[in-house]
Amino acid sequence: QLTSIKQALVQQRKQPSMRTAFLLLFNLACLRGAYSGGGRSRFTSIISFGDSYADTGNLVMWPEPFFPGPLPFENLPYGQTFFGHPTGRVTDGRLVLDFIAEALGLPFVPPYLAKGSNFSAGVNFAVAGAPALTLTYLQGQNLTVNPPINSSLHDQLEWFQKLKPSLCKGQGADCFGSSLFIMGEFGSNDYRNILMSNRTVEQALVYVPLIVDSISRGVERLIQQGAKYIVVADVFPTGCIPPILTMLASPNKVKYDRHGCLKSGNRLGRYQNSLLRQWIKLLRHEYPHTKIITAEYYRPVLAFLDMPGHFGLNSSTTLLACCGAGGPPYNYDFNAGCGLPSVKACADPSRALQWDGFHLTESAYRAVADGWLHGPYADPPIMHVARP
């Protein structure tokens, strides 16, 4: 019955309803910087899946010959804000995942490919560039996949399956009863690969149900493996990122919303997030003993664009890459990416929203994490669930 309902949902294209923007902004602004580590928590480990929004070092540890030389984000200014050096995170400092770990009093989650690491307090399978759909499938659609490696959600779940015996050694059936699973952002890289393979947004929309089905099946697989607490993240507004704004730039102002984002690009995120919410409702009904937490990137990013001053952001640079080249309106050049010798970061990344074009700054990730930990951008908020 669940399968038939899911198949019916795949055909739906409802748009999500929006709450009053001001109230959401006010709530998150009040919570900015309010979370803290310490205190008691039911969670003793974090198990993470995702893409560059969550990768803490897997891609830079990927075995040769795929990347014979260093990747751009293995160079400064990546990592400069908090760590003082590159860490494999594709930002200037910490990610949402890092702030969640801090709030729960846990260490930063080590990447799966960091052999010899202690995974007793968690493991991170996220890989920068990871799609929801497999490499074989995407290439079979004549799409150019970058990077062309097996790092999809399916692959990450296989790694988890392989590692599970050592994670659960001697712990019995309730091995993951105190683990927080985070099904990080998936879908953005699929759309990036599709759009950069000279497909239109209309053609990309066809893949949305397949992407959501992949995420839903992944969540279900984790539940069947014993996960009791799962955070499921939505996708951010693709039409608001500098590379897409640069690639699909138009002189027609009607194609842009009041934030300066491309309406067509944001259709992908709205459709995916609406469909994903419906699947999660079904999964909650099917698995009432598992707590599934929905977490958002889409609305907080729009909130930052709507009222940047409330979050300490510079209102004149919200759509510009802090670390990029080319100057306004987006400071993004496909041939001069962040991490290359000639490309510098802006003077104050803490006041910037966009880091390198595809990714946010530590400052923005901190504000998103606040919304996940305490609300309003998680249902229920993570810290509410963390109380023993």
Protein backbone atom coordinates (compact mmCIF):
# COMPACT_ATOMS: atom_id res chain seq x y z
CA GLN A 1 0.00 0.00 0.00
CA LEU A 2 2.85 2.39 0.84
CA THR A 3 4.42 1.71 -2.55
CA SER A 4 1.22 2.50 -4.43
CA ILE A 5 0.71 5.72 -2.47
CA LYS A 6 4.31 6.69 -3.19
CA GLN A 7 3.82 6.07 -6.90
CA ALA A 8 0.79 8.32 -6.85
CA LEU A 9 2.72 11.04 -5.03
CA VAL A 10 5.44 11.01 -7.67
CA GLN A 11 2.91 12.47 -10.11
CA GLN A 12 2.03 15.41 -7.88
CA ARG A 13 3.51 18.87 -8.22
CA LYS A 14 2.10 20.82 -5.30
CA GLN A 15 3.84 24.00 -4.23
CA PRO A 16 4.67 24.35 -0.54
CA SER A 17 2.75 26.90 1.48
CA MET A 18 4.79 29.73 3.01
CA ARG A 19 4.33 31.08 6.51
CA THR A 20 4.63 34.75 7.23
CA ALA A 21 8.22 35.64 6.37
CA PHE A 22 8.60 38.28 9.05
CA LEU A 23 7.68 35.93 11.89
CA LEU A 24 10.13 33.31 10.69
CA LEU A 25 12.88 35.87 10.37
CA PHE A 26 12.16 37.24 13.81
CA ASN A 27 12.23 33.79 15.39
CA LEU A 28 15.52 32.80 13.77
CA ALA A 29 17.12 36.18 14.45
CA CYS A 30 16.28 35.84 18.13
CA LEU A 31 17.90 32.41 18.17
CA ARG A 32 21.05 33.48 16.34
CA GLY A 33 23.98 32.36 18.44
CA ALA A 34 21.68 30.91 21.10
CA TYR A 35 22.71 27.28 20.88
CA SER A 36 25.52 25.90 22.96
CA GLY A 37 27.22 22.61 23.62
CA GLY A 38 27.25 20.81 26.92
CA GLY A 39 24.31 19.60 28.91
CA ARG A 40 22.78 16.17 28.65
CA SER A 41 21.79 14.72 25.30
CA ARG A 42 20.37 11.37 24.29
CA PHE A 43 22.78 11.31 21.32
CA THR A 44 26.22 9.77 21.66
CA SER A 45 27.05 9.69 17.94
CA ILE A 46 26.19 11.29 14.60
CA ILE A 47 26.03 9.36 11.32
CA SER A 48 25.94 11.69 8.33
CA PHE A 49 25.20 11.38 4.60
CA GLY A 50 25.23 14.14 2.00
CA ASP A 51 27.18 16.28 -0.43
CA SER A 52 29.52 19.27 -0.08
CA TYR A 53 27.17 20.91 2.40
CA ALA A 54 28.20 18.14 4.84
CA ASP A 55 31.53 16.71 3.58
CA THR A 56 34.23 17.01 6.25
CA GLY A 57 37.00 15.57 4.08
CA ASN A 58 35.95 12.53 2.05
CA LEU A 59 36.47 13.98 -1.42
CA VAL A 60 39.99 15.24 -0.70
CA MET A 61 40.86 11.74 0.54
CA TRP A 62 39.47 10.05 -2.56
CA PRO A 63 42.01 7.59 -3.97
CA GLU A 64 43.91 8.31 -7.16
CA PRO A 65 43.80 8.36 -10.16
CA PHE A 66 40.59 10.42 -10.16
CA PHE A 67 42.29 13.48 -8.69
CA PRO A 68 46.03 13.25 -9.41
CA GLY A 69 46.63 16.75 -8.05
CA PRO A 70 45.20 18.81 -5.17
CA LEU A 71 41.65 20.11 -5.50
CA PRO A 72 41.09 23.89 -5.31
CA PHE A 73 39.43 23.61 -1.90
CA GLU A 74 42.56 21.98 -0.50
CA ASN A 75 44.05 25.47 -0.62
CA LEU A 76 43.50 28.60 1.42
CA PRO A 77 41.31 30.61 1.81
CA TYR A 78 39.18 27.49 2.39
CA GLY A 79 39.11 26.80 6.12
CA GLN A 80 40.60 30.17 7.05
CA THR A 81 37.85 31.41 9.36
CA PHE A 82 37.80 28.73 12.08
CA PHE A 83 40.49 26.15 11.40
CA GLY A 84 43.11 28.44 9.89
CA HIS A 85 43.85 25.90 7.16
CA PRO A 86 41.93 23.79 4.60
CA THR A 87 40.17 20.73 6.07
CA GLY A 88 38.30 19.30 3.09
CA ARG A 89 35.22 21.34 3.98
CA VAL A 90 34.02 23.41 1.04
CA THR A 91 33.63 26.68 2.93
CA ASP A 92 35.68 29.14 4.94
CA GLY A 93 35.10 27.37 8.26
CA ARG A 94 32.51 25.13 9.85
CA LEU A 95 29.44 23.46 8.34
CA VAL A 96 25.94 22.95 9.74
CA LEU A 97 27.04 19.44 10.74
CA ASP A 98 29.90 20.87 12.83
CA PHE A 99 27.61 23.24 14.71
CA ILE A 100 25.17 20.40 15.43
CA ALA A 101 28.00 18.25 16.81
CA GLU A 102 29.16 21.13 19.02
CA ALA A 103 25.63 21.72 20.31
CA LEU A 104 25.29 18.03 21.24
CA GLY A 105 28.66 18.03 23.00
CA LEU A 106 30.17 15.66 20.42
CA PRO A 107 33.43 15.89 18.45
CA PHE A 108 33.44 16.93 14.80
CA VAL A 109 32.26 13.97 12.71
CA PRO A 110 35.25 12.30 11.00
CA PRO A 111 35.08 11.41 7.29
CA TYR A 112 34.63 7.74 6.42
CA LEU A 113 37.73 7.72 4.19
CA ALA A 114 39.97 8.90 7.03
CA LYS A 115 41.30 5.42 7.69
CA GLY A 116 42.24 4.72 11.27
CA SER A 117 39.74 7.24 12.62
CA ASN A 118 37.74 6.54 15.74
CA PHE A 119 34.10 6.25 14.65
CA SER A 120 32.70 5.61 18.14
CA ALA A 121 31.15 9.11 18.25
CA GLY A 122 30.08 9.12 14.61
CA VAL A 123 31.09 8.84 10.98
CA ASN A 124 30.48 11.05 7.96
CA PHE A 125 29.83 9.46 4.55
CA ALA A 126 29.06 12.78 2.78
CA VAL A 127 31.10 13.54 -0.35
CA ALA A 128 31.38 16.89 -2.10
CA GLY A 129 29.67 16.63 -5.48
CA ALA A 130 27.59 13.59 -4.50
CA PRO A 131 24.30 13.22 -6.40
CA ALA A 132 21.14 11.47 -5.28
CA LEU A 133 21.14 9.38 -8.46
CA THR A 134 23.95 6.98 -9.30
CA LEU A 135 26.83 7.71 -11.66
CA THR A 136 25.77 4.83 -13.92
CA TYR A 137 22.23 6.20 -14.23
CA LEU A 138 23.26 9.82 -14.84
CA GLN A 139 25.87 8.88 -17.44
CA GLY A 140 23.29 6.61 -19.06
CA GLN A 141 21.20 9.77 -19.53
CA ASN A 142 24.11 11.31 -21.49
CA LEU A 143 24.80 13.75 -18.68
CA THR A 144 28.26 14.99 -17.81
CA VAL A 145 28.87 14.14 -14.15
CA ASN A 146 31.50 16.08 -12.23
CA PRO A 147 33.28 14.54 -10.44
CA PRO A 148 32.73 11.20 -12.27
CA ILE A 149 33.03 9.00 -9.17
CA ASN A 150 30.76 6.58 -7.30
CA SER A 151 29.80 8.82 -4.41
CA SER A 152 25.99 8.90 -4.72
CA LEU A 153 23.53 8.37 -1.89
CA HIS A 154 23.35 4.71 -2.91
CA ASP A 155 27.14 4.40 -2.63
CA GLN A 156 27.19 6.10 0.77
CA LEU A 157 24.53 3.70 2.05
CA GLU A 158 26.67 0.79 0.83
CA TRP A 159 29.62 2.16 2.83
CA PHE A 160 27.39 2.39 5.89
CA GLN A 161 26.27 -1.20 5.40
CA LYS A 162 29.91 -2.28 5.19
CA LEU A 163 30.88 -0.38 8.34
CA LYS A 164 27.83 -1.32 10.39
CA PRO A 165 29.30 -4.51 11.96
CA SER A 166 32.20 -2.55 13.46
CA LEU A 167 29.89 0.28 14.57
CA CYS A 168 27.58 -2.17 16.31
CA LYS A 169 30.13 -4.57 17.75
CA GLY A 170 28.67 -6.07 20.92
CA GLN A 171 25.79 -3.58 21.12
CA GLY A 172 22.91 -5.81 20.07
CA ALA A 173 19.73 -4.90 18.22
CA ASP A 174 19.45 -1.37 19.62
CA CYS A 175 22.86 -0.36 18.28
CA PHE A 176 21.66 2.98 16.88
CA GLY A 177 19.22 3.93 19.64
CA SER A 178 21.40 6.88 20.67
CA SER A 179 22.63 7.85 17.19
CA LEU A 180 21.45 10.90 15.28
CA PHE A 181 21.34 10.14 11.56
CA ILE A 182 21.52 13.12 9.21
CA MET A 183 20.37 12.59 5.63
CA GLY A 184 21.97 15.74 4.32
CA GLU A 185 21.14 17.79 1.28
CA PHE A 186 20.81 15.73 -1.93
CA GLY A 187 19.62 16.85 -5.35
CA SER A 188 21.62 20.02 -5.99
CA ASN A 189 24.45 18.16 -7.70
CA ASP A 190 22.00 16.24 -9.88
CA TYR A 191 20.52 19.55 -11.06
CA ARG A 192 23.98 21.06 -11.51
CA ASN A 193 25.05 18.13 -13.70
CA ILE A 194 21.80 18.30 -15.69
CA LEU A 195 21.89 22.07 -16.28
CA MET A 196 25.59 22.06 -17.14
CA SER A 197 24.93 19.33 -19.69
CA ASN A 198 22.97 21.92 -21.70
CA ARG A 199 19.59 20.75 -20.45
CA THR A 200 16.83 23.21 -19.59
CA VAL A 201 15.14 23.67 -16.24
CA GLU A 202 12.03 22.07 -17.77
CA GLN A 203 14.08 18.99 -18.64
CA ALA A 204 15.60 18.95 -15.15
CA LEU A 205 12.13 18.94 -13.54
CA VAL A 206 11.53 15.46 -15.00
CA TYR A 207 14.22 14.07 -12.68
CA VAL A 208 12.78 15.51 -9.45
CA PRO A 209 10.51 12.52 -8.60
CA LEU A 210 13.43 10.14 -9.18
CA ILE A 211 15.66 12.17 -6.87
CA VAL A 212 13.03 12.32 -4.13
CA ASP A 213 12.39 8.58 -4.53
CA SER A 214 16.12 7.95 -4.02
CA ILE A 215 16.16 10.05 -0.83
CA SER A 216 12.98 8.44 0.51
CA ARG A 217 14.28 4.93 -0.14
CA GLY A 218 17.52 5.91 1.58
CA VAL A 219 15.66 7.06 4.69
CA GLU A 220 13.60 3.87 4.67
CA ARG A 221 16.75 1.78 4.37
CA LEU A 222 18.26 3.50 7.42
CA ILE A 223 15.10 2.84 9.40
CA GLN A 224 15.26 -0.83 8.45
CA GLN A 225 18.88 -0.88 9.64
CA GLY A 226 17.83 0.35 13.07
CA ALA A 227 17.91 4.16 12.85
CA LYS A 228 15.57 5.72 15.45
CA TYR A 229 16.30 9.43 14.88
CA ILE A 230 16.80 10.80 11.36
CA VAL A 231 17.18 14.39 10.17
CA VAL A 232 16.17 14.80 6.51
CA ALA A 233 17.32 18.02 4.84
CA ASP A 234 15.64 19.74 1.93
CA VAL A 235 17.40 21.36 -1.05
CA PHE A 236 18.43 25.02 -1.15
CA PRO A 237 17.12 27.50 -3.78
CA THR A 238 19.17 26.67 -6.89
CA GLY A 239 18.09 29.88 -8.60
CA CYS A 240 19.90 31.98 -5.98
CA ILE A 241 23.46 30.70 -6.42
CA PRO A 242 26.06 32.69 -8.44
CA PRO A 243 26.98 29.95 -10.98
CA ILE A 244 23.35 29.42 -12.03
CA LEU A 245 22.68 33.17 -12.01
CA THR A 246 25.76 33.65 -14.19
CA MET A 247 25.01 30.78 -16.58
CA LEU A 248 21.30 31.57 -17.05
CA ALA A 249 21.55 35.38 -16.86
CA SER A 250 18.77 37.18 -18.69
CA PRO A 251 18.04 40.85 -19.51
CA ASN A 252 14.37 40.12 -18.82
CA LYS A 253 13.66 41.30 -15.25
CA VAL A 254 10.43 39.28 -15.15
CA LYS A 255 12.54 36.13 -14.86
CA TYR A 256 13.85 37.21 -11.44
CA ASP A 257 12.06 37.30 -8.10
CA ARG A 258 12.28 40.10 -5.53
CA HIS A 259 15.46 38.57 -4.09
CA GLY A 260 17.21 38.69 -7.46
CA CYS A 261 16.99 34.90 -7.84
CA LEU A 262 15.98 33.17 -11.05
CA LYS A 263 12.40 31.97 -10.73
CA SER A 264 13.00 29.05 -13.10
CA GLY A 265 15.94 27.74 -11.04
CA ASN A 266 13.93 27.87 -7.84
CA ARG A 267 11.16 25.76 -9.36
CA LEU A 268 13.45 22.75 -8.91
CA GLY A 269 13.86 23.30 -5.19
CA ARG A 270 10.21 24.08 -4.56
CA TYR A 271 9.06 20.99 -6.41
CA GLN A 272 11.58 18.69 -4.71
CA ASN A 273 10.89 20.05 -1.23
CA SER A 274 7.12 19.82 -1.64
CA LEU A 275 7.32 16.22 -2.84
CA LEU A 276 9.85 15.27 -0.15
CA ARG A 277 7.57 16.58 2.61
CA GLN A 278 4.76 14.37 1.35
CA TRP A 279 7.00 11.30 1.32
CA ILE A 280 8.15 12.04 4.86
CA LYS A 281 4.53 12.17 6.03
CA LEU A 282 4.06 8.68 4.62
CA LEU A 283 7.24 7.39 6.22
CA ARG A 284 6.24 8.83 9.59
CA HIS A 285 2.93 7.01 9.32
CA GLU A 286 4.58 3.76 8.23
CA TYR A 287 7.30 3.91 10.91
CA PRO A 288 5.74 5.58 13.97
CA HIS A 289 8.54 4.47 16.29
CA THR A 290 11.17 6.37 14.31
CA LYS A 291 11.50 10.12 14.83
CA ILE A 292 11.97 11.78 11.42
CA ILE A 293 13.02 15.43 11.65
CA THR A 294 12.56 17.64 8.60
CA ALA A 295 15.26 20.32 8.22
CA GLU A 296 15.38 23.20 5.78
CA TYR A 297 17.97 25.03 3.69
CA TYR A 298 15.50 26.61 1.29
CA ARG A 299 13.61 29.00 3.57
CA PRO A 300 16.58 30.20 5.63
CA VAL A 301 18.50 31.13 2.47
CA LEU A 302 15.51 33.19 1.30
CA ALA A 303 15.33 34.72 4.78
CA PHE A 304 18.98 35.79 4.53
CA LEU A 305 18.24 37.42 1.17
CA ASP A 306 15.04 39.02 2.47
CA MET A 307 16.50 40.71 5.56
CA PRO A 308 20.28 40.26 5.55
CA GLY A 309 20.83 42.86 8.26
CA HIS A 310 19.00 40.68 10.79
CA PHE A 311 21.71 38.06 10.34
CA GLY A 312 24.69 40.40 10.25
CA LEU A 313 25.06 40.08 6.47
CA ASN A 314 25.99 42.80 4.01
CA SER A 315 22.83 43.56 2.02
CA SER A 316 24.77 44.69 -1.07
CA THR A 317 26.70 41.42 -1.52
CA THR A 318 24.18 38.64 -0.79
CA LEU A 319 24.32 37.30 -4.36
CA LEU A 320 28.08 37.77 -4.81
CA ALA A 321 30.59 35.00 -4.19
CA CYS A 322 32.88 36.14 -1.38
CA CYS A 323 35.72 34.07 -2.86
CA GLY A 324 35.50 34.50 -6.61
CA ALA A 325 36.40 36.66 -9.59
CA GLY A 326 34.74 38.98 -12.07
CA GLY A 327 33.10 41.49 -9.75
CA PRO A 328 29.38 42.34 -9.58
CA PRO A 329 26.71 41.23 -10.01
CA TYR A 330 27.78 37.73 -8.89
CA ASN A 331 31.60 37.73 -8.73
CA TYR A 332 31.66 34.28 -10.28
CA ASP A 333 33.91 33.07 -13.11
CA PHE A 334 33.80 29.41 -14.16
CA ASN A 335 37.50 29.65 -15.09
CA ALA A 336 38.65 31.38 -11.89
CA GLY A 337 37.32 29.45 -8.94
CA CYS A 338 38.08 29.93 -5.27
CA GLY A 339 41.29 28.20 -4.20
CA LEU A 340 43.23 29.11 -7.34
CA PRO A 341 46.29 31.33 -6.77
CA SER A 342 44.84 34.44 -8.39
CA VAL A 343 41.45 34.28 -6.59
CA LYS A 344 41.04 36.04 -3.25
CA ALA A 345 38.32 36.06 -0.62
CA CYS A 346 36.38 39.15 0.42
CA ALA A 347 37.67 41.14 3.39
CA ASP A 348 35.00 39.98 5.85
CA PRO A 349 33.45 36.55 5.13
CA SER A 350 31.38 36.79 8.33
CA ARG A 351 29.20 39.39 6.57
CA ALA A 352 28.88 37.37 3.35
CA LEU A 353 26.21 34.80 2.49
CA GLN A 354 27.81 33.08 -0.51
CA TRP A 355 31.30 31.68 -0.04
CA ASP A 356 32.58 30.36 -3.39
CA GLY A 357 29.42 30.47 -5.48
CA PHE A 358 28.08 26.98 -4.81
CA HIS A 359 28.45 27.03 -1.03
CA LEU A 360 27.60 29.27 1.91
CA THR A 361 29.92 30.91 4.44
CA GLU A 362 30.46 29.64 7.98
CA SER A 363 28.40 32.59 9.18
CA ALA A 364 25.42 31.48 7.09
CA TYR A 365 25.83 27.84 8.11
CA ARG A 366 25.82 28.90 11.77
CA ALA A 367 22.47 30.64 11.31
CA VAL A 368 21.02 27.61 9.46
CA ALA A 369 22.24 25.37 12.28
CA ASP A 370 20.52 27.60 14.85
CA GLY A 371 17.26 27.12 12.95
CA TRP A 372 17.72 23.33 12.87
CA LEU A 373 18.67 23.05 16.52
CA HIS A 374 16.01 25.30 18.02
CA GLY A 375 13.53 26.03 15.21
CA PRO A 376 11.92 27.33 13.14
CA TYR A 377 13.74 25.46 10.37
CA ALA A 378 13.40 21.94 11.75
CA ASP A 379 10.30 19.98 12.69
CA PRO A 380 10.73 19.06 15.47
CA PRO A 381 13.85 21.05 16.43
CA ILE A 382 16.86 18.81 17.04
CA MET A 383 17.49 20.01 20.59
CA HIS A 384 13.90 19.19 21.55
CA VAL A 385 14.47 15.61 20.44
CA ALA A 386 17.93 15.47 22.05
CA ARG A 387 16.52 15.84 25.56
CA PRO A 388 16.68 12.44 27.33
